[in-house]
């Protein structure tokens, strides 16, 4: 497993990197990450997860909140891995 694919530590408090902005595109009805000279179209509930990354919540708090919202989803496994990938891309700090 490379560091890009490494799950995030549970005590990490993720927040969007300074040059990254989360926007909702009403025309396409999808969330976007807007970066300098690049736009990333988010799929599924990625925008919902990233909206919880406010720098105050630890990864474990985000997982608990999403488990409450989506009780049948594999949140505990997928969310820390997803956040780790986003950090590996430099989109979260």
N, C-alpha and C. Protein backbone atom coordinates (compact mmCIF):
# COMPACT_ATOMS: atom_id res chain seq x y z
N UNK A 1 0.85 -1.17 0.00
CA UNK A 1 0.00 0.00 0.00
C UNK A 1 0.89 1.23 0.00
N UNK A 2 0.71 2.11 -0.95
CA UNK A 2 1.50 3.34 -1.00
C UNK A 2 0.91 4.36 -0.03
N UNK A 3 1.64 5.44 0.22
CA UNK A 3 1.12 6.46 1.12
C UNK A 3 -0.11 7.13 0.54
N UNK A 4 -0.24 7.16 -0.77
CA UNK A 4 -1.43 7.74 -1.39
C UNK A 4 -2.66 6.91 -1.07
N UNK A 5 -2.50 5.58 -0.94
CA UNK A 5 -3.62 4.70 -0.66
C UNK A 5 -3.78 4.40 0.82
N UNK A 6 -2.91 4.94 1.66
CA UNK A 6 -2.96 4.63 3.08
C UNK A 6 -4.20 5.23 3.72
N UNK A 7 -4.86 4.47 4.58
CA UNK A 7 -6.01 5.04 5.29
C UNK A 7 -5.55 6.19 6.19
N UNK A 8 -6.45 7.07 6.46
CA UNK A 8 -6.11 8.23 7.28
C UNK A 8 -6.08 7.84 8.76
N UNK A 9 -5.24 8.49 9.55
CA UNK A 9 -5.24 8.22 10.98
C UNK A 9 -6.53 8.72 11.61
N UNK A 10 -7.09 8.00 12.59
CA UNK A 10 -8.39 8.37 13.15
C UNK A 10 -8.39 9.71 13.89
N UNK A 11 -7.24 10.20 14.37
CA UNK A 11 -7.23 11.47 15.10
C UNK A 11 -6.93 12.68 14.21
N UNK A 12 -6.79 12.44 12.92
CA UNK A 12 -6.58 13.52 11.95
C UNK A 12 -7.87 14.32 11.81
N UNK A 13 -7.76 15.62 11.74
CA UNK A 13 -8.92 16.52 11.55
C UNK A 13 -8.82 17.14 10.15
N UNK A 14 -9.36 16.44 9.16
CA UNK A 14 -9.18 16.90 7.77
C UNK A 14 -9.92 18.20 7.48
N UNK A 15 -9.29 18.97 6.60
CA UNK A 15 -9.87 20.21 6.11
C UNK A 15 -9.39 20.38 4.67
N UNK A 16 -10.21 21.00 3.83
CA UNK A 16 -9.79 21.25 2.45
C UNK A 16 -8.53 22.10 2.43
N UNK A 17 -7.64 21.77 1.51
CA UNK A 17 -6.44 22.57 1.32
C UNK A 17 -6.84 23.99 0.91
N UNK A 18 -6.00 24.98 1.20
CA UNK A 18 -6.37 26.38 0.94
C UNK A 18 -6.81 26.68 -0.49
N UNK A 19 -6.23 26.05 -1.48
CA UNK A 19 -6.56 26.36 -2.88
C UNK A 19 -7.70 25.50 -3.42
N UNK A 20 -8.31 24.69 -2.57
CA UNK A 20 -9.37 23.76 -3.00
C UNK A 20 -10.71 24.25 -2.47
N UNK A 21 -11.70 24.26 -3.37
CA UNK A 21 -13.04 24.71 -2.99
C UNK A 21 -14.07 23.67 -3.40
N UNK A 22 -14.99 23.40 -2.52
CA UNK A 22 -16.08 22.47 -2.80
C UNK A 22 -17.29 23.28 -3.25
N UNK A 23 -17.79 22.95 -4.44
CA UNK A 23 -18.93 23.66 -5.02
C UNK A 23 -19.96 22.65 -5.51
N UNK A 24 -21.21 23.08 -5.54
CA UNK A 24 -22.26 22.25 -6.13
C UNK A 24 -22.65 22.86 -7.47
N UNK A 25 -22.61 22.04 -8.52
CA UNK A 25 -23.00 22.47 -9.86
C UNK A 25 -24.48 22.14 -10.03
N UNK A 26 -25.31 23.16 -10.01
CA UNK A 26 -26.76 22.93 -10.11
C UNK A 26 -27.17 22.40 -11.47
N UNK A 27 -26.45 22.78 -12.51
CA UNK A 27 -26.79 22.32 -13.85
C UNK A 27 -26.62 20.81 -13.96
N UNK A 28 -25.50 20.31 -13.48
CA UNK A 28 -25.23 18.86 -13.52
C UNK A 28 -25.72 18.13 -12.27
N UNK A 29 -26.16 18.89 -11.26
CA UNK A 29 -26.59 18.35 -9.97
C UNK A 29 -25.53 17.41 -9.39
N UNK A 30 -24.31 17.95 -9.33
CA UNK A 30 -23.20 17.18 -8.78
C UNK A 30 -22.25 18.12 -8.05
N UNK A 31 -21.48 17.56 -7.15
CA UNK A 31 -20.48 18.33 -6.42
C UNK A 31 -19.16 18.33 -7.18
N UNK A 32 -18.43 19.43 -7.03
CA UNK A 32 -17.16 19.61 -7.71
C UNK A 32 -16.10 20.07 -6.72
N UNK A 33 -14.89 19.63 -6.92
CA UNK A 33 -13.74 20.23 -6.26
C UNK A 33 -13.11 21.16 -7.28
N UNK A 34 -13.02 22.42 -6.94
CA UNK A 34 -12.45 23.41 -7.83
C UNK A 34 -11.04 23.73 -7.33
N UNK A 35 -10.07 23.43 -8.18
CA UNK A 35 -8.67 23.63 -7.86
C UNK A 35 -8.09 24.60 -8.88
N UNK A 36 -6.92 25.14 -8.60
CA UNK A 36 -6.30 25.99 -9.62
C UNK A 36 -6.13 25.20 -10.92
N UNK A 37 -6.71 25.73 -11.99
CA UNK A 37 -6.59 25.16 -13.34
C UNK A 37 -7.14 23.75 -13.48
N UNK A 38 -8.04 23.34 -12.56
CA UNK A 38 -8.59 21.98 -12.64
C UNK A 38 -9.91 21.92 -11.88
N UNK A 39 -10.82 21.10 -12.40
CA UNK A 39 -12.08 20.83 -11.71
C UNK A 39 -12.24 19.31 -11.63
N UNK A 40 -12.55 18.81 -10.44
CA UNK A 40 -12.75 17.38 -10.23
C UNK A 40 -14.23 17.17 -9.97
N UNK A 41 -14.88 16.35 -10.79
CA UNK A 41 -16.28 16.02 -10.61
C UNK A 41 -16.36 14.88 -9.59
N UNK A 42 -17.08 15.12 -8.50
CA UNK A 42 -17.22 14.13 -7.45
C UNK A 42 -18.42 13.23 -7.72
N UNK A 43 -18.28 11.98 -7.34
CA UNK A 43 -19.36 11.02 -7.58
C UNK A 43 -19.92 10.53 -6.25
N UNK A 44 -21.14 10.04 -6.30
CA UNK A 44 -21.76 9.47 -5.11
C UNK A 44 -21.88 10.49 -3.99
N UNK A 45 -21.52 10.05 -2.80
CA UNK A 45 -21.61 10.91 -1.62
C UNK A 45 -20.29 11.57 -1.24
N UNK A 46 -19.37 11.66 -2.19
CA UNK A 46 -18.06 12.25 -1.89
C UNK A 46 -18.19 13.68 -1.37
N UNK A 47 -19.08 14.46 -1.96
CA UNK A 47 -19.28 15.84 -1.51
C UNK A 47 -19.82 15.89 -0.09
N UNK A 48 -20.71 14.98 0.24
CA UNK A 48 -21.25 14.90 1.60
C UNK A 48 -20.14 14.64 2.59
N UNK A 49 -19.25 13.72 2.26
CA UNK A 49 -18.11 13.40 3.13
C UNK A 49 -17.21 14.62 3.27
N UNK A 50 -16.87 15.25 2.17
CA UNK A 50 -15.94 16.38 2.20
C UNK A 50 -16.53 17.59 2.92
N UNK A 51 -17.84 17.76 2.90
CA UNK A 51 -18.46 18.87 3.64
C UNK A 51 -18.26 18.72 5.15
N UNK A 52 -18.05 17.51 5.60
CA UNK A 52 -17.81 17.28 7.03
C UNK A 52 -16.35 17.53 7.42
N UNK A 53 -15.50 17.75 6.45
CA UNK A 53 -14.08 17.98 6.70
C UNK A 53 -13.87 19.48 6.96
N UNK A 54 -14.13 19.86 8.19
CA UNK A 54 -14.09 21.28 8.56
C UNK A 54 -12.91 21.63 9.45
N UNK A 55 -12.02 20.67 9.71
CA UNK A 55 -10.87 20.92 10.56
C UNK A 55 -11.17 20.80 12.04
N UNK A 56 -12.44 20.65 12.40
CA UNK A 56 -12.84 20.46 13.80
C UNK A 56 -13.11 19.00 14.12
N UNK A 57 -13.63 18.28 13.13
CA UNK A 57 -13.98 16.88 13.34
C UNK A 57 -12.81 15.97 13.03
N UNK A 58 -12.59 14.99 13.89
CA UNK A 58 -11.62 13.93 13.60
C UNK A 58 -12.26 12.97 12.61
N UNK A 59 -11.45 12.16 11.96
CA UNK A 59 -11.96 11.17 11.01
C UNK A 59 -12.99 10.28 11.70
N UNK A 60 -12.73 9.88 12.93
CA UNK A 60 -13.67 9.01 13.65
C UNK A 60 -15.02 9.70 13.85
N UNK A 61 -15.03 11.01 14.08
CA UNK A 61 -16.29 11.75 14.21
C UNK A 61 -17.05 11.78 12.89
N UNK A 62 -16.32 11.94 11.80
CA UNK A 62 -16.93 11.95 10.47
C UNK A 62 -17.55 10.59 10.18
N UNK A 63 -16.84 9.53 10.53
CA UNK A 63 -17.35 8.17 10.31
C UNK A 63 -18.63 7.96 11.13
N UNK A 64 -18.63 8.38 12.38
CA UNK A 64 -19.82 8.20 13.23
C UNK A 64 -21.01 8.96 12.64
N UNK A 65 -20.78 10.19 12.21
CA UNK A 65 -21.87 10.98 11.62
C UNK A 65 -22.42 10.32 10.37
N UNK A 66 -21.54 9.83 9.51
CA UNK A 66 -22.00 9.19 8.27
C UNK A 66 -22.66 7.85 8.54
N UNK A 67 -22.23 7.13 9.56
CA UNK A 67 -22.89 5.87 9.94
C UNK A 67 -24.31 6.15 10.42
N UNK A 68 -24.48 7.29 11.10
CA UNK A 68 -25.82 7.68 11.54
C UNK A 68 -26.71 8.00 10.34
N UNK A 69 -26.16 8.70 9.38
CA UNK A 69 -26.93 9.09 8.19
C UNK A 69 -27.19 7.92 7.24
N UNK A 70 -26.21 7.02 7.12
CA UNK A 70 -26.29 5.91 6.16
C UNK A 70 -25.99 4.59 6.89
N UNK A 71 -26.93 4.11 7.70
CA UNK A 71 -26.65 2.94 8.55
C UNK A 71 -26.29 1.66 7.80
N UNK A 72 -26.67 1.52 6.56
CA UNK A 72 -26.39 0.28 5.82
C UNK A 72 -25.16 0.38 4.92
N UNK A 73 -24.51 1.52 4.92
CA UNK A 73 -23.34 1.71 4.05
C UNK A 73 -22.05 1.29 4.78
N UNK A 74 -21.04 0.84 4.03
CA UNK A 74 -19.76 0.42 4.63
C UNK A 74 -18.86 1.62 4.95
N UNK A 75 -19.39 2.54 5.71
CA UNK A 75 -18.73 3.80 6.00
C UNK A 75 -17.40 3.61 6.74
N UNK A 76 -17.39 2.75 7.74
CA UNK A 76 -16.20 2.59 8.59
C UNK A 76 -14.98 2.15 7.79
N UNK A 77 -15.20 1.39 6.73
CA UNK A 77 -14.09 0.94 5.90
C UNK A 77 -13.74 1.93 4.80
N UNK A 78 -14.75 2.48 4.16
CA UNK A 78 -14.53 3.27 2.96
C UNK A 78 -14.14 4.73 3.21
N UNK A 79 -14.71 5.35 4.23
CA UNK A 79 -14.47 6.78 4.44
C UNK A 79 -13.01 7.08 4.82
N UNK A 80 -12.41 6.39 5.80
CA UNK A 80 -11.00 6.69 6.09
C UNK A 80 -10.09 6.48 4.88
N UNK A 81 -10.37 5.45 4.10
CA UNK A 81 -9.57 5.20 2.89
C UNK A 81 -9.75 6.33 1.88
N UNK A 82 -11.00 6.75 1.67
CA UNK A 82 -11.30 7.86 0.75
C UNK A 82 -10.58 9.13 1.20
N UNK A 83 -10.67 9.45 2.48
CA UNK A 83 -10.02 10.66 2.98
C UNK A 83 -8.50 10.57 2.83
N UNK A 84 -7.96 9.40 3.03
CA UNK A 84 -6.53 9.21 2.83
C UNK A 84 -6.11 9.46 1.39
N UNK A 85 -6.95 9.00 0.44
CA UNK A 85 -6.65 9.25 -0.98
C UNK A 85 -6.73 10.74 -1.28
N UNK A 86 -7.73 11.42 -0.71
CA UNK A 86 -7.88 12.86 -0.94
C UNK A 86 -6.67 13.63 -0.37
N UNK A 87 -6.17 13.17 0.77
CA UNK A 87 -4.98 13.78 1.35
C UNK A 87 -3.76 13.50 0.48
N UNK A 88 -3.67 12.29 -0.04
CA UNK A 88 -2.57 11.94 -0.93
C UNK A 88 -2.53 12.78 -2.18
N UNK A 89 -3.69 13.19 -2.65
CA UNK A 89 -3.78 14.07 -3.83
C UNK A 89 -3.42 15.52 -3.48
N UNK A 90 -3.38 15.82 -2.18
CA UNK A 90 -3.09 17.18 -1.75
C UNK A 90 -4.33 18.05 -1.62
N UNK A 91 -5.50 17.44 -1.70
CA UNK A 91 -6.75 18.20 -1.64
C UNK A 91 -7.25 18.40 -0.22
N UNK A 92 -6.75 17.60 0.70
CA UNK A 92 -7.05 17.77 2.13
C UNK A 92 -5.75 17.93 2.87
N UNK A 93 -5.80 18.61 3.98
CA UNK A 93 -4.62 18.70 4.85
C UNK A 93 -5.04 18.38 6.26
